[in-house]
PDB file of all heavy atoms in Angstrom:
ATOM      1  N   THR A   1     -27.583  12.398  26.373  1.00  0.00           N
ATOM      2  CA  THR A   1     -27.118  11.644  25.404  1.00  0.00           C
ATOM      3  C   THR A   1     -28.178  10.972  24.643  1.00  0.00           C
ATOM      4  O   THR A   1     -29.085  10.201  25.194  1.00  0.00           O
ATOM      5  CB  THR A   1     -26.137  10.508  25.888  1.00  0.00           C
ATOM      6  OG1 THR A   1     -25.070  11.185  26.709  1.00  0.00           O
ATOM      7  CG2 THR A   1     -25.616   9.588  24.795  1.00  0.00           C
ATOM      8  N   LEU A   2     -28.339  11.188  23.296  1.00  0.00           N
ATOM      9  CA  LEU A   2     -29.509  10.851  22.579  1.00  0.00           C
ATOM     10  C   LEU A   2     -29.387   9.373  22.014  1.00  0.00           C
ATOM     11  O   LEU A   2     -30.411   8.784  21.889  1.00  0.00           O
ATOM     12  CB  LEU A   2     -29.847  11.778  21.420  1.00  0.00           C
ATOM     13  CG  LEU A   2     -29.949  13.275  22.034  1.00  0.00           C
ATOM     14  CD1 LEU A   2     -30.088  14.164  20.828  1.00  0.00           C
ATOM     15  CD2 LEU A   2     -31.119  13.286  22.912  1.00  0.00           C
ATOM     16  N   THR A   3     -28.190   9.064  21.431  1.00  0.00           N
ATOM     17  CA  THR A   3     -28.017   7.796  20.832  1.00  0.00           C
ATOM     18  C   THR A   3     -26.579   7.579  20.621  1.00  0.00           C
ATOM     19  O   THR A   3     -25.794   8.449  20.817  1.00  0.00           O
ATOM     20  CB  THR A   3     -28.810   7.674  19.489  1.00  0.00           C
ATOM     21  OG1 THR A   3     -28.839   6.293  19.088  1.00  0.00           O
ATOM     22  CG2 THR A   3     -28.208   8.510  18.452  1.00  0.00           C
ATOM     23  N   PHE A   4     -26.134   6.345  20.152  1.00  0.00           N
ATOM     24  CA  PHE A   4     -24.741   6.070  19.743  1.00  0.00           C
ATOM     25  C   PHE A   4     -24.579   6.406  18.391  1.00  0.00           C
ATOM     26  O   PHE A   4     -25.375   6.071  17.509  1.00  0.00           O
ATOM     27  CB  PHE A   4     -24.528   4.596  20.107  1.00  0.00           C
ATOM     28  CG  PHE A   4     -23.145   4.176  20.063  1.00  0.00           C
ATOM     29  CD1 PHE A   4     -22.182   4.380  21.045  1.00  0.00           C
ATOM     30  CD2 PHE A   4     -22.618   3.648  18.866  1.00  0.00           C
ATOM     31  CE1 PHE A   4     -20.862   4.002  20.962  1.00  0.00           C
ATOM     32  CE2 PHE A   4     -21.272   3.181  18.788  1.00  0.00           C
ATOM     33  CZ  PHE A   4     -20.438   3.411  19.799  1.00  0.00           C
ATOM     34  N   ASP A   5     -23.446   7.023  18.057  1.00  0.00           N
ATOM     35  CA  ASP A   5     -23.210   7.558  16.654  1.00  0.00           C
ATOM     36  C   ASP A   5     -22.304   6.504  15.844  1.00  0.00           C
ATOM     37  O   ASP A   5     -22.714   5.963  14.856  1.00  0.00           O
ATOM     38  CB  ASP A   5     -22.568   8.828  16.657  1.00  0.00           C
ATOM     39  CG  ASP A   5     -22.341   9.352  15.238  1.00  0.00           C
ATOM     40  OD1 ASP A   5     -23.337   9.571  14.557  1.00  0.00           O
ATOM     41  OD2 ASP A   5     -21.187   9.491  14.777  1.00  0.00           O
ATOM     42  N   HIS A   6     -21.142   6.168  16.349  1.00  0.00           N
ATOM     43  CA  HIS A   6     -20.281   5.232  15.677  1.00  0.00           C
ATOM     44  C   HIS A   6     -19.187   4.748  16.427  1.00  0.00           C
ATOM     45  O   HIS A   6     -19.003   5.252  17.638  1.00  0.00           O
ATOM     46  CB  HIS A   6     -19.666   5.936  14.367  1.00  0.00           C
ATOM     47  CG  HIS A   6     -18.621   6.975  14.770  1.00  0.00           C
ATOM     48  ND1 HIS A   6     -18.986   8.297  14.881  1.00  0.00           N
ATOM     49  CD2 HIS A   6     -17.339   6.941  14.753  1.00  0.00           C
ATOM     50  CE1 HIS A   6     -17.885   9.001  15.194  1.00  0.00           C
ATOM     51  NE2 HIS A   6     -16.944   8.158  15.157  1.00  0.00           N
ATOM     52  N   VAL A   7     -18.516   3.672  16.099  1.00  0.00           N
ATOM     53  CA  VAL A   7     -17.284   3.224  16.750  1.00  0.00           C
ATOM     54  C   VAL A   7     -16.156   3.416  15.717  1.00  0.00           C
ATOM     55  O   VAL A   7     -16.232   3.171  14.538  1.00  0.00           O
ATOM     56  CB  VAL A   7     -17.405   1.728  17.245  1.00  0.00           C
ATOM     57  CG1 VAL A   7     -17.671   0.806  16.021  1.00  0.00           C
ATOM     58  CG2 VAL A   7     -16.285   1.427  18.045  1.00  0.00           C
ATOM     59  N   GLY A   8     -15.041   3.845  16.169  1.00  0.00           N
ATOM     60  CA  GLY A   8     -13.837   3.916  15.322  1.00  0.00           C
ATOM     61  C   GLY A   8     -12.958   2.638  15.442  1.00  0.00           C
ATOM     62  O   GLY A   8     -12.740   2.134  16.537  1.00  0.00           O
ATOM     63  N   ILE A   9     -12.609   2.104  14.329  1.00  0.00           N
ATOM     64  CA  ILE A   9     -11.843   0.805  14.274  1.00  0.00           C
ATOM     65  C   ILE A   9     -10.455   1.086  13.517  1.00  0.00           C
ATOM     66  O   ILE A   9     -10.533   1.469  12.376  1.00  0.00           O
ATOM     67  CB  ILE A   9     -12.554  -0.240  13.577  1.00  0.00           C
ATOM     68  CG1 ILE A   9     -13.961  -0.491  14.297  1.00  0.00           C
ATOM     69  CG2 ILE A   9     -11.825  -1.484  13.556  1.00  0.00           C
ATOM     70  CD1 ILE A   9     -14.891  -1.460  13.624  1.00  0.00           C
ATOM     71  N   ARG A  10      -9.331   0.986  14.276  1.00  0.00           N
ATOM     72  CA  ARG A  10      -8.084   1.185  13.623  1.00  0.00           C
ATOM     73  C   ARG A  10      -7.708   0.051  12.775  1.00  0.00           C
ATOM     74  O   ARG A  10      -7.809  -1.117  13.141  1.00  0.00           O
ATOM     75  CB  ARG A  10      -6.911   1.438  14.739  1.00  0.00           C
ATOM     76  CG  ARG A  10      -5.569   1.736  14.032  1.00  0.00           C
ATOM     77  CD  ARG A  10      -4.588   2.321  15.014  1.00  0.00           C
ATOM     78  NE  ARG A  10      -4.934   3.854  15.117  1.00  0.00           N
ATOM     79  CZ  ARG A  10      -5.182   4.360  16.273  1.00  0.00           C
ATOM     80  NH1 ARG A  10      -5.137   3.677  17.359  1.00  0.00           N
ATOM     81  NH2 ARG A  10      -5.578   5.701  16.379  1.00  0.00           N
ATOM     82  N   VAL A  11      -7.263   0.389  11.544  1.00  0.00           N
ATOM     83  CA  VAL A  11      -6.883  -0.683  10.464  1.00  0.00           C
ATOM     84  C   VAL A  11      -5.607  -0.241   9.880  1.00  0.00           C
ATOM     85  O   VAL A  11      -5.132   0.934   9.976  1.00  0.00           O
ATOM     86  CB  VAL A  11      -7.930  -0.786   9.438  1.00  0.00           C
ATOM     87  CG1 VAL A  11      -9.218  -1.220  10.063  1.00  0.00           C
ATOM     88  CG2 VAL A  11      -8.187   0.488   8.608  1.00  0.00           C
ATOM     89  N   THR A  12      -4.929  -1.266   9.239  1.00  0.00           N
ATOM     90  CA  THR A  12      -3.606  -1.107   8.518  1.00  0.00           C
ATOM     91  C   THR A  12      -3.735  -0.726   7.095  1.00  0.00           C
ATOM     92  O   THR A  12      -2.988   0.053   6.546  1.00  0.00           O
ATOM     93  CB  THR A  12      -2.630  -2.208   8.718  1.00  0.00           C
ATOM     94  OG1 THR A  12      -3.295  -3.405   8.252  1.00  0.00           O
ATOM     95  CG2 THR A  12      -2.306  -2.414  10.180  1.00  0.00           C
ATOM     96  N   ASP A  13      -4.841  -1.236   6.460  1.00  0.00           N
ATOM     97  CA  ASP A  13      -4.961  -1.105   4.985  1.00  0.00           C
ATOM     98  C   ASP A  13      -6.478  -0.787   4.826  1.00  0.00           C
ATOM     99  O   ASP A  13      -7.327  -1.566   4.945  1.00  0.00           O
ATOM    100  CB  ASP A  13      -4.575  -2.400   4.326  1.00  0.00           C
ATOM    101  CG  ASP A  13      -4.620  -2.281   2.854  1.00  0.00           C
ATOM    102  OD1 ASP A  13      -5.613  -1.728   2.285  1.00  0.00           O
ATOM    103  OD2 ASP A  13      -3.672  -2.697   2.246  1.00  0.00           O
ATOM    104  N   LEU A  14      -6.767   0.396   4.276  1.00  0.00           N
ATOM    105  CA  LEU A  14      -8.161   0.899   4.110  1.00  0.00           C
ATOM    106  C   LEU A  14      -8.810   0.095   3.103  1.00  0.00           C
ATOM    107  O   LEU A  14      -9.980  -0.388   3.421  1.00  0.00           O
ATOM    108  CB  LEU A  14      -8.066   2.320   3.784  1.00  0.00           C
ATOM    109  CG  LEU A  14      -9.615   2.923   3.438  1.00  0.00           C
ATOM    110  CD1 LEU A  14     -10.484   2.800   4.639  1.00  0.00           C
ATOM    111  CD2 LEU A  14      -9.464   4.369   2.889  1.00  0.00           C
ATOM    112  N   ALA A  15      -8.182  -0.229   1.916  1.00  0.00           N
ATOM    113  CA  ALA A  15      -8.953  -0.987   0.948  1.00  0.00           C
ATOM    114  C   ALA A  15      -9.301  -2.429   1.473  1.00  0.00           C
ATOM    115  O   ALA A  15     -10.424  -2.811   1.176  1.00  0.00           O
ATOM    116  CB  ALA A  15      -8.011  -1.078  -0.260  1.00  0.00           C
ATOM    117  N   VAL A  16      -8.397  -3.040   2.219  1.00  0.00           N
ATOM    118  CA  VAL A  16      -8.698  -4.410   2.715  1.00  0.00           C
ATOM    119  C   VAL A  16      -9.776  -4.399   3.763  1.00  0.00           C
ATOM    120  O   VAL A  16     -10.825  -5.064   3.716  1.00  0.00           O
ATOM    121  CB  VAL A  16      -7.455  -5.037   3.331  1.00  0.00           C
ATOM    122  CG1 VAL A  16      -7.767  -6.337   4.043  1.00  0.00           C
ATOM    123  CG2 VAL A  16      -6.443  -5.349   2.097  1.00  0.00           C
ATOM    124  N   ALA A  17      -9.669  -3.332   4.623  1.00  0.00           N
ATOM    125  CA  ALA A  17     -10.686  -3.175   5.702  1.00  0.00           C
ATOM    126  C   ALA A  17     -12.123  -2.813   5.064  1.00  0.00           C
ATOM    127  O   ALA A  17     -13.174  -3.399   5.397  1.00  0.00           O
ATOM    128  CB  ALA A  17     -10.231  -2.265   6.777  1.00  0.00           C
ATOM    129  N   GLU A  18     -12.058  -1.989   4.136  1.00  0.00           N
ATOM    130  CA  GLU A  18     -13.342  -1.502   3.538  1.00  0.00           C
ATOM    131  C   GLU A  18     -14.042  -2.680   2.752  1.00  0.00           C
ATOM    132  O   GLU A  18     -15.251  -2.841   2.848  1.00  0.00           O
ATOM    133  CB  GLU A  18     -13.092  -0.324   2.553  1.00  0.00           C
ATOM    134  CG  GLU A  18     -14.332   0.408   2.079  1.00  0.00           C
ATOM    135  CD  GLU A  18     -14.056   1.720   1.328  1.00  0.00           C
ATOM    136  OE1 GLU A  18     -12.820   2.012   1.137  1.00  0.00           O
ATOM    137  OE2 GLU A  18     -15.009   2.301   1.056  1.00  0.00           O
ATOM    138  N   ALA A  19     -13.166  -3.484   2.131  1.00  0.00           N
ATOM    139  CA  ALA A  19     -13.723  -4.696   1.402  1.00  0.00           C
ATOM    140  C   ALA A  19     -14.352  -5.653   2.514  1.00  0.00           C
ATOM    141  O   ALA A  19     -15.379  -6.184   2.259  1.00  0.00           O
ATOM    142  CB  ALA A  19     -12.757  -5.355   0.593  1.00  0.00           C
ATOM    143  N   PHE A  20     -13.687  -5.833   3.552  1.00  0.00           N
ATOM    144  CA  PHE A  20     -14.225  -6.778   4.644  1.00  0.00           C
ATOM    145  C   PHE A  20     -15.489  -6.273   5.140  1.00  0.00           C
ATOM    146  O   PHE A  20     -16.534  -6.956   5.203  1.00  0.00           O
ATOM    147  CB  PHE A  20     -13.234  -7.036   5.723  1.00  0.00           C
ATOM    148  CG  PHE A  20     -13.670  -7.844   6.903  1.00  0.00           C
ATOM    149  CD1 PHE A  20     -13.577  -9.206   6.743  1.00  0.00           C
ATOM    150  CD2 PHE A  20     -14.286  -7.247   8.009  1.00  0.00           C
ATOM    151  CE1 PHE A  20     -14.065 -10.000   7.796  1.00  0.00           C
ATOM    152  CE2 PHE A  20     -14.658  -7.979   9.005  1.00  0.00           C
ATOM    153  CZ  PHE A  20     -14.599  -9.372   8.866  1.00  0.00           C
ATOM    154  N   TYR A  21     -15.515  -4.984   5.672  1.00  0.00           N
ATOM    155  CA  TYR A  21     -16.830  -4.455   6.207  1.00  0.00           C
ATOM    156  C   TYR A  21     -17.810  -4.316   5.132  1.00  0.00           C
ATOM    157  O   TYR A  21     -19.078  -4.320   5.474  1.00  0.00           O
ATOM    158  CB  TYR A  21     -16.433  -3.162   7.012  1.00  0.00           C
ATOM    159  CG  TYR A  21     -15.706  -3.480   8.290  1.00  0.00           C
ATOM    160  CD1 TYR A  21     -14.341  -3.374   8.375  1.00  0.00           C
ATOM    161  CD2 TYR A  21     -16.467  -3.853   9.390  1.00  0.00           C
ATOM    162  CE1 TYR A  21     -13.690  -3.682   9.584  1.00  0.00           C
ATOM    163  CE2 TYR A  21     -15.862  -4.186  10.498  1.00  0.00           C
ATOM    164  CZ  TYR A  21     -14.502  -4.009  10.686  1.00  0.00           C
ATOM    165  OH  TYR A  21     -13.772  -4.391  11.747  1.00  0.00           O
ATOM    166  N   GLY A  22     -17.530  -4.094   3.903  1.00  0.00           N
ATOM    167  CA  GLY A  22     -18.503  -4.141   2.918  1.00  0.00           C
ATOM    168  C   GLY A  22     -19.138  -5.493   2.777  1.00  0.00           C
ATOM    169  O   GLY A  22     -20.321  -5.582   2.491  1.00  0.00           O
ATOM    170  N   ARG A  23     -18.454  -6.640   3.049  1.00  0.00           N
ATOM    171  CA  ARG A  23     -19.174  -7.906   3.006  1.00  0.00           C
ATOM    172  C   ARG A  23     -20.181  -7.968   4.117  1.00  0.00           C
ATOM    173  O   ARG A  23     -21.168  -8.790   4.021  1.00  0.00           O
ATOM    174  CB  ARG A  23     -18.078  -8.938   3.257  1.00  0.00           C
ATOM    175  CG  ARG A  23     -17.102  -9.095   1.974  1.00  0.00           C
ATOM    176  CD  ARG A  23     -15.990  -9.970   2.249  1.00  0.00           C
ATOM    177  NE  ARG A  23     -16.255 -11.360   2.395  1.00  0.00           N
ATOM    178  CZ  ARG A  23     -15.434 -12.297   2.849  1.00  0.00           C
ATOM    179  NH1 ARG A  23     -14.187 -11.885   3.119  1.00  0.00           N
ATOM    180  NH2 ARG A  23     -15.734 -13.511   2.929  1.00  0.00           N
ATOM    181  N   LEU A  24     -20.023  -7.112   5.139  1.00  0.00           N
ATOM    182  CA  LEU A  24     -21.013  -7.123   6.257  1.00  0.00           C
ATOM    183  C   LEU A  24     -22.114  -6.086   6.002  1.00  0.00           C
ATOM    184  O   LEU A  24     -23.040  -5.823   6.887  1.00  0.00           O
ATOM    185  CB  LEU A  24     -20.337  -6.765   7.611  1.00  0.00           C
ATOM    186  CG  LEU A  24     -19.221  -7.792   8.098  1.00  0.00           C
ATOM    187  CD1 LEU A  24     -18.621  -7.251   9.426  1.00  0.00           C
ATOM    188  CD2 LEU A  24     -19.873  -9.081   8.323  1.00  0.00           C
ATOM    189  N   GLY A  25     -22.056  -5.395   4.876  1.00  0.00           N
ATOM    190  CA  GLY A  25     -23.142  -4.534   4.435  1.00  0.00           C
ATOM    191  C   GLY A  25     -22.870  -3.135   4.586  1.00  0.00           C
ATOM    192  O   GLY A  25     -23.673  -2.244   4.204  1.00  0.00           O
ATOM    193  N   PHE A  26     -21.657  -2.698   5.011  1.00  0.00           N
ATOM    194  CA  PHE A  26     -21.182  -1.316   5.155  1.00  0.00           C
ATOM    195  C   PHE A  26     -20.637  -0.725   3.939  1.00  0.00           C
ATOM    196  O   PHE A  26     -19.990  -1.364   3.142  1.00  0.00           O
ATOM    197  CB  PHE A  26     -20.152  -1.151   6.201  1.00  0.00           C
ATOM    198  CG  PHE A  26     -20.667  -1.431   7.722  1.00  0.00           C
ATOM    199  CD1 PHE A  26     -20.733  -2.654   8.231  1.00  0.00           C
ATOM    200  CD2 PHE A  26     -21.173  -0.439   8.416  1.00  0.00           C
ATOM    201  CE1 PHE A  26     -21.229  -2.930   9.465  1.00  0.00           C
ATOM    202  CE2 PHE A  26     -21.607  -0.467   9.628  1.00  0.00           C
ATOM    203  CZ  PHE A  26     -21.580  -1.844  10.148  1.00  0.00           C
ATOM    204  N   VAL A  27     -21.037   0.473   3.541  1.00  0.00           N
ATOM    205  CA  VAL A  27     -20.503   1.227   2.339  1.00  0.00           C
ATOM    206  C   VAL A  27     -19.999   2.584   2.790  1.00  0.00           C
ATOM    207  O   VAL A  27     -20.504   3.120   3.853  1.00  0.00           O
ATOM    208  CB  VAL A  27     -21.692   1.352   1.256  1.00  0.00           C
ATOM    209  CG1 VAL A  27     -22.087   0.063   0.768  1.00  0.00           C
ATOM    210  CG2 VAL A  27     -22.784   2.198   1.837  1.00  0.00           C
ATOM    211  N   ARG A  28     -19.150   3.058   1.939  1.00  0.00           N
ATOM    212  CA  ARG A  28     -18.498   4.389   2.346  1.00  0.00           C
ATOM    213  C   ARG A  28     -19.417   5.527   2.222  1.00  0.00           C
ATOM    214  O   ARG A  28     -20.255   5.615   1.407  1.00  0.00           O
ATOM    215  CB  ARG A  28     -17.347   4.609   1.356  1.00  0.00           C
ATOM    216  CG  ARG A  28     -16.560   5.946   1.693  1.00  0.00           C
ATOM    217  CD  ARG A  28     -15.418   6.241   0.649  1.00  0.00           C
ATOM    218  NE  ARG A  28     -14.195   5.266   0.719  1.00  0.00           N
ATOM    219  CZ  ARG A  28     -13.159   5.529   0.337  1.00  0.00           C
ATOM    220  NH1 ARG A  28     -12.794   6.730  -0.102  1.00  0.00           N
ATOM    221  NH2 ARG A  28     -12.190   4.743   0.532  1.00  0.00           N
TER     222      ARG A  28
END
C-alpha cells in the first residue's frame, strides 16, 4: 500500500456539499 487516495463522503445535495467543501479549498 503506497499511500491513501481519497475518502468518500455521502451527501444529499451535491451543489450544497460542493460549495461547503469549496470553502475548505477543494475544487471539482
